[in-house]
N, C-alpha and C. Protein backbone atom coordinates (compact mmCIF):
# COMPACT_ATOMS: atom_id res chain seq x y z
N MET A 1 1.50 50.68 -120.09
CA MET A 1 2.40 49.54 -119.95
C MET A 1 1.79 48.55 -118.95
N PRO A 2 1.73 47.26 -119.30
CA PRO A 2 1.13 46.28 -118.40
C PRO A 2 1.97 46.07 -117.14
N ASN A 3 1.30 45.74 -116.04
CA ASN A 3 2.02 45.45 -114.81
C ASN A 3 2.48 43.99 -114.81
N ASP A 4 3.27 43.62 -113.80
CA ASP A 4 3.84 42.27 -113.76
C ASP A 4 2.78 41.18 -113.77
N LYS A 5 1.70 41.39 -113.04
CA LYS A 5 0.64 40.38 -112.99
C LYS A 5 0.02 40.17 -114.37
N GLU A 6 -0.21 41.24 -115.09
CA GLU A 6 -0.77 41.13 -116.45
C GLU A 6 0.22 40.44 -117.39
N VAL A 7 1.50 40.78 -117.26
CA VAL A 7 2.53 40.16 -118.10
C VAL A 7 2.60 38.66 -117.83
N LEU A 8 2.60 38.28 -116.55
CA LEU A 8 2.69 36.86 -116.20
C LEU A 8 1.42 36.10 -116.60
N THR A 9 0.27 36.73 -116.49
CA THR A 9 -0.97 36.09 -116.94
C THR A 9 -0.86 35.77 -118.43
N GLN A 10 -0.52 36.77 -119.22
CA GLN A 10 -0.42 36.58 -120.67
C GLN A 10 0.67 35.56 -121.02
N LEU A 11 1.79 35.63 -120.35
CA LEU A 11 2.91 34.72 -120.61
C LEU A 11 2.49 33.27 -120.38
N ASN A 12 1.76 33.01 -119.31
CA ASN A 12 1.34 31.64 -119.02
C ASN A 12 0.33 31.13 -120.03
N ILE A 13 -0.56 31.97 -120.49
CA ILE A 13 -1.49 31.58 -121.54
C ILE A 13 -0.72 31.28 -122.83
N GLN A 14 0.26 32.12 -123.14
CA GLN A 14 1.07 31.92 -124.35
C GLN A 14 1.91 30.64 -124.28
N ILE A 15 2.32 30.24 -123.09
CA ILE A 15 3.07 28.98 -122.95
C ILE A 15 2.23 27.82 -123.45
N GLY A 16 0.96 27.78 -123.03
CA GLY A 16 0.07 26.71 -123.51
C GLY A 16 -0.14 26.77 -125.01
N GLU A 17 -0.30 27.96 -125.54
CA GLU A 17 -0.49 28.11 -126.99
C GLU A 17 0.75 27.65 -127.75
N ALA A 18 1.94 27.98 -127.23
CA ALA A 18 3.18 27.56 -127.87
C ALA A 18 3.35 26.04 -127.81
N GLU A 19 2.97 25.44 -126.68
CA GLU A 19 3.02 23.98 -126.60
C GLU A 19 2.10 23.35 -127.64
N THR A 20 0.90 23.88 -127.78
CA THR A 20 -0.05 23.36 -128.76
C THR A 20 0.52 23.46 -130.18
N ARG A 21 1.16 24.57 -130.49
CA ARG A 21 1.76 24.76 -131.83
C ARG A 21 3.03 23.93 -132.02
N GLY A 22 3.63 23.50 -130.92
CA GLY A 22 4.92 22.82 -131.01
C GLY A 22 6.05 23.81 -131.26
N ASP A 23 5.91 25.01 -130.74
CA ASP A 23 6.83 26.12 -131.01
C ASP A 23 8.00 26.12 -130.04
N ARG A 24 9.01 25.31 -130.36
CA ARG A 24 10.20 25.19 -129.50
C ARG A 24 10.96 26.51 -129.40
N GLN A 25 11.03 27.25 -130.49
CA GLN A 25 11.78 28.50 -130.48
C GLN A 25 11.17 29.49 -129.49
N TRP A 26 9.87 29.67 -129.54
CA TRP A 26 9.22 30.62 -128.62
C TRP A 26 9.43 30.17 -127.18
N LEU A 27 9.20 28.88 -126.91
CA LEU A 27 9.39 28.37 -125.55
C LEU A 27 10.84 28.52 -125.10
N GLY A 28 11.78 28.29 -126.00
CA GLY A 28 13.19 28.44 -125.67
C GLY A 28 13.55 29.86 -125.28
N ASP A 29 12.83 30.84 -125.81
CA ASP A 29 13.07 32.24 -125.46
C ASP A 29 12.53 32.59 -124.08
N VAL A 30 11.58 31.80 -123.58
CA VAL A 30 10.95 32.07 -122.28
C VAL A 30 11.60 31.27 -121.16
N ILE A 31 12.09 30.08 -121.47
CA ILE A 31 12.66 29.19 -120.46
C ILE A 31 14.08 29.63 -120.12
N ALA A 32 14.37 29.65 -118.83
CA ALA A 32 15.72 30.00 -118.36
C ALA A 32 16.73 28.96 -118.86
N LEU A 33 17.99 29.38 -118.93
CA LEU A 33 19.04 28.47 -119.39
C LEU A 33 19.19 27.26 -118.47
N LYS A 34 18.96 27.45 -117.19
CA LYS A 34 18.90 26.33 -116.23
C LYS A 34 17.43 26.17 -115.87
N PHE A 35 16.88 24.98 -116.07
CA PHE A 35 15.44 24.77 -115.98
C PHE A 35 15.16 23.34 -115.55
N ALA A 36 14.11 23.15 -114.76
CA ALA A 36 13.67 21.81 -114.38
C ALA A 36 12.16 21.72 -114.58
N PHE A 37 11.72 20.61 -115.17
CA PHE A 37 10.30 20.37 -115.46
C PHE A 37 9.92 18.98 -114.98
N ARG A 38 8.99 18.93 -114.02
CA ARG A 38 8.49 17.62 -113.59
C ARG A 38 7.22 17.31 -114.36
N ARG A 39 7.27 16.22 -115.08
CA ARG A 39 6.14 15.80 -115.92
C ARG A 39 5.01 15.26 -115.06
N ALA A 40 3.84 15.18 -115.68
CA ALA A 40 2.63 14.76 -114.98
C ALA A 40 2.69 13.32 -114.49
N ASP A 41 3.65 12.52 -114.99
CA ASP A 41 3.77 11.14 -114.49
C ASP A 41 4.37 11.09 -113.09
N ARG A 42 4.80 12.26 -112.59
CA ARG A 42 5.37 12.42 -111.24
C ARG A 42 6.70 11.70 -111.06
N GLN A 43 7.27 11.19 -112.14
CA GLN A 43 8.54 10.47 -112.09
C GLN A 43 9.63 11.17 -112.90
N THR A 44 9.25 11.67 -114.06
CA THR A 44 10.21 12.22 -115.01
C THR A 44 10.48 13.69 -114.72
N ILE A 45 11.77 14.03 -114.62
CA ILE A 45 12.18 15.42 -114.49
C ILE A 45 13.11 15.73 -115.66
N ASP A 46 12.67 16.66 -116.51
CA ASP A 46 13.45 17.04 -117.69
C ASP A 46 14.19 18.34 -117.43
N ASP A 47 15.37 18.45 -118.02
CA ASP A 47 16.05 19.75 -118.04
C ASP A 47 15.58 20.50 -119.28
N ARG A 48 16.15 21.65 -119.51
CA ARG A 48 15.73 22.51 -120.61
C ARG A 48 15.81 21.78 -121.96
N THR A 49 16.95 21.13 -122.21
CA THR A 49 17.17 20.45 -123.48
C THR A 49 16.15 19.34 -123.70
N ASP A 50 15.96 18.49 -122.69
CA ASP A 50 15.01 17.38 -122.82
C ASP A 50 13.58 17.89 -123.00
N PHE A 51 13.21 18.93 -122.24
CA PHE A 51 11.87 19.48 -122.38
C PHE A 51 11.63 19.96 -123.81
N LEU A 52 12.54 20.79 -124.33
CA LEU A 52 12.35 21.36 -125.66
C LEU A 52 12.35 20.29 -126.75
N LYS A 53 13.16 19.23 -126.58
CA LYS A 53 13.18 18.14 -127.55
C LYS A 53 11.83 17.46 -127.68
N LYS A 54 11.10 17.40 -126.57
CA LYS A 54 9.83 16.68 -126.54
C LYS A 54 8.63 17.54 -126.98
N VAL A 55 8.85 18.82 -127.23
CA VAL A 55 7.76 19.70 -127.64
C VAL A 55 7.41 19.42 -129.10
N THR A 56 6.16 19.05 -129.32
CA THR A 56 5.64 18.85 -130.68
C THR A 56 4.21 19.39 -130.71
N ALA A 57 3.73 19.67 -131.90
CA ALA A 57 2.35 20.13 -132.04
C ALA A 57 1.43 19.08 -131.43
N SER A 58 0.42 19.55 -130.71
CA SER A 58 -0.45 18.61 -129.99
C SER A 58 -1.85 19.19 -129.85
N GLU A 59 -2.65 18.51 -129.05
CA GLU A 59 -4.03 18.93 -128.83
C GLU A 59 -4.06 20.33 -128.23
N PRO A 60 -5.15 21.06 -128.46
CA PRO A 60 -5.27 22.41 -127.91
C PRO A 60 -5.33 22.41 -126.39
N ARG A 61 -4.78 23.47 -125.82
CA ARG A 61 -4.76 23.66 -124.38
C ARG A 61 -5.46 24.96 -124.02
N ASP A 62 -6.18 24.92 -122.92
CA ASP A 62 -6.72 26.13 -122.31
C ASP A 62 -6.02 26.28 -120.96
N THR A 63 -5.54 27.48 -120.69
CA THR A 63 -4.86 27.75 -119.43
C THR A 63 -5.67 28.77 -118.64
N SER A 64 -6.01 28.41 -117.42
CA SER A 64 -6.68 29.36 -116.53
C SER A 64 -5.75 29.61 -115.35
N ILE A 65 -5.60 30.87 -115.02
CA ILE A 65 -4.69 31.28 -113.96
C ILE A 65 -5.43 31.22 -112.63
N ASP A 66 -4.86 30.49 -111.68
CA ASP A 66 -5.45 30.35 -110.36
C ASP A 66 -4.82 31.31 -109.34
N LEU A 67 -3.52 31.57 -109.49
CA LEU A 67 -2.80 32.38 -108.51
C LEU A 67 -1.53 32.94 -109.15
N ILE A 68 -1.25 34.19 -108.87
CA ILE A 68 0.06 34.78 -109.20
C ILE A 68 0.55 35.46 -107.94
N ASP A 69 1.70 35.02 -107.47
CA ASP A 69 2.28 35.55 -106.23
C ASP A 69 3.66 36.10 -106.58
N ILE A 70 3.79 37.42 -106.55
CA ILE A 70 5.03 38.08 -106.98
C ILE A 70 5.80 38.57 -105.75
N HIS A 71 7.09 38.27 -105.74
CA HIS A 71 8.00 38.71 -104.68
C HIS A 71 9.22 39.34 -105.34
N GLY A 72 9.14 40.63 -105.62
CA GLY A 72 10.26 41.30 -106.29
C GLY A 72 10.48 40.75 -107.67
N ASP A 73 11.64 40.13 -107.88
CA ASP A 73 11.99 39.57 -109.18
C ASP A 73 11.73 38.07 -109.26
N ARG A 74 10.86 37.58 -108.37
CA ARG A 74 10.47 36.17 -108.38
C ARG A 74 8.95 36.10 -108.38
N ALA A 75 8.43 35.06 -109.03
CA ALA A 75 6.97 34.90 -109.06
C ALA A 75 6.62 33.42 -109.12
N ILE A 76 5.54 33.09 -108.42
CA ILE A 76 4.97 31.76 -108.49
C ILE A 76 3.61 31.90 -109.18
N VAL A 77 3.41 31.07 -110.19
CA VAL A 77 2.14 31.05 -110.91
C VAL A 77 1.56 29.66 -110.78
N ARG A 78 0.32 29.61 -110.32
CA ARG A 78 -0.40 28.33 -110.29
C ARG A 78 -1.53 28.44 -111.29
N CYS A 79 -1.59 27.47 -112.19
CA CYS A 79 -2.61 27.50 -113.22
C CYS A 79 -3.12 26.09 -113.51
N THR A 80 -4.30 26.05 -114.08
CA THR A 80 -4.90 24.79 -114.52
C THR A 80 -4.85 24.76 -116.04
N VAL A 81 -4.29 23.68 -116.56
CA VAL A 81 -4.21 23.50 -118.01
C VAL A 81 -5.14 22.35 -118.39
N THR A 82 -6.03 22.64 -119.32
CA THR A 82 -6.96 21.63 -119.82
C THR A 82 -6.57 21.30 -121.25
N VAL A 83 -6.24 20.03 -121.49
CA VAL A 83 -5.89 19.57 -122.83
C VAL A 83 -7.12 18.88 -123.40
N LYS A 84 -7.54 19.35 -124.58
CA LYS A 84 -8.76 18.83 -125.21
C LYS A 84 -8.38 17.90 -126.37
N SER A 85 -8.93 16.69 -126.32
CA SER A 85 -8.67 15.75 -127.40
C SER A 85 -9.97 15.05 -127.77
N ALA A 86 -9.92 14.25 -128.80
CA ALA A 86 -11.11 13.52 -129.26
C ALA A 86 -11.61 12.55 -128.19
N THR A 87 -10.73 12.09 -127.33
CA THR A 87 -11.12 11.13 -126.29
C THR A 87 -11.57 11.81 -125.01
N GLY A 88 -11.56 13.14 -124.99
CA GLY A 88 -12.00 13.87 -123.79
C GLY A 88 -10.97 14.87 -123.32
N GLU A 89 -11.25 15.44 -122.17
CA GLU A 89 -10.36 16.45 -121.61
C GLU A 89 -9.51 15.86 -120.49
N LYS A 90 -8.28 16.36 -120.41
CA LYS A 90 -7.39 16.03 -119.30
C LYS A 90 -7.00 17.35 -118.65
N ARG A 91 -7.05 17.40 -117.32
CA ARG A 91 -6.72 18.63 -116.59
C ARG A 91 -5.47 18.41 -115.75
N TYR A 92 -4.65 19.46 -115.70
CA TYR A 92 -3.39 19.40 -114.96
C TYR A 92 -3.23 20.63 -114.08
N ASP A 93 -2.79 20.39 -112.87
CA ASP A 93 -2.46 21.47 -111.94
C ASP A 93 -0.98 21.79 -112.14
N ASN A 94 -0.68 23.03 -112.49
CA ASN A 94 0.69 23.46 -112.78
C ASN A 94 1.15 24.49 -111.76
N ILE A 95 2.35 24.32 -111.27
CA ILE A 95 3.02 25.34 -110.47
C ILE A 95 4.29 25.72 -111.22
N ARG A 96 4.42 27.01 -111.49
CA ARG A 96 5.55 27.51 -112.29
C ARG A 96 6.29 28.59 -111.51
N LEU A 97 7.60 28.51 -111.53
CA LEU A 97 8.46 29.49 -110.87
C LEU A 97 9.15 30.34 -111.93
N PHE A 98 8.94 31.64 -111.84
CA PHE A 98 9.55 32.59 -112.77
C PHE A 98 10.54 33.48 -112.03
N VAL A 99 11.58 33.91 -112.72
CA VAL A 99 12.50 34.92 -112.22
C VAL A 99 12.65 35.99 -113.29
N ARG A 100 12.79 37.23 -112.83
CA ARG A 100 13.06 38.29 -113.79
C ARG A 100 14.57 38.31 -114.01
N HIS A 101 14.96 38.09 -115.26
CA HIS A 101 16.39 38.04 -115.60
C HIS A 101 16.61 38.92 -116.81
N GLU A 102 17.52 39.87 -116.68
CA GLU A 102 17.82 40.81 -117.75
C GLU A 102 16.56 41.49 -118.26
N GLY A 103 15.68 41.83 -117.33
CA GLY A 103 14.48 42.60 -117.64
C GLY A 103 13.29 41.81 -118.15
N LYS A 104 13.41 40.48 -118.26
CA LYS A 104 12.31 39.66 -118.76
C LYS A 104 12.01 38.53 -117.78
N TRP A 105 10.75 38.15 -117.72
CA TRP A 105 10.38 36.99 -116.90
C TRP A 105 10.81 35.72 -117.61
N ARG A 106 11.53 34.86 -116.88
CA ARG A 106 12.01 33.58 -117.41
C ARG A 106 11.47 32.45 -116.55
N LEU A 107 11.06 31.38 -117.18
CA LEU A 107 10.55 30.21 -116.49
C LEU A 107 11.72 29.37 -115.98
N LEU A 108 11.83 29.26 -114.68
CA LEU A 108 12.96 28.56 -114.04
C LEU A 108 12.60 27.14 -113.63
N GLY A 109 11.36 26.94 -113.17
CA GLY A 109 10.93 25.62 -112.73
C GLY A 109 9.45 25.43 -112.98
N TRP A 110 9.06 24.17 -113.21
CA TRP A 110 7.67 23.88 -113.54
C TRP A 110 7.37 22.46 -113.10
N ALA A 111 6.34 22.33 -112.30
CA ALA A 111 5.89 20.99 -111.87
C ALA A 111 4.39 20.90 -112.11
N ASN A 112 3.98 19.79 -112.68
CA ASN A 112 2.54 19.60 -112.88
C ASN A 112 2.14 18.21 -112.48
N GLU A 113 0.87 18.06 -112.28
CA GLU A 113 0.33 16.73 -112.00
C GLU A 113 -1.12 16.69 -112.44
N PRO A 114 -1.60 15.50 -112.75
CA PRO A 114 -2.99 15.40 -113.20
C PRO A 114 -3.96 15.75 -112.07
N MET A 115 -5.11 16.23 -112.49
CA MET A 115 -6.17 16.55 -111.52
C MET A 115 -7.23 15.46 -111.56
């Protein structure tokens, strides 16, 4: 059975893959019912509904995990997401807050900004 760090590593990679596919259902299963997402423009903060509405199939993403800090049923994950497009790559620094709820890790908060 994988440990929490392995689960969170895989979960964060899968988040990027789901965003690329435009898979709202999968993301909806991972995101907590109360959720805040700060977009890379540093101005827009979406709740769960707004975030999921904006998910559409897009350019491929690579996610590399920089840090996983677990405190009981809470975890902070810092990762770099690279979005690849025909015009080049864009990199984003992501900080994600997870809580274990009903036995599963749920994404409670997420802030990113361009690198």
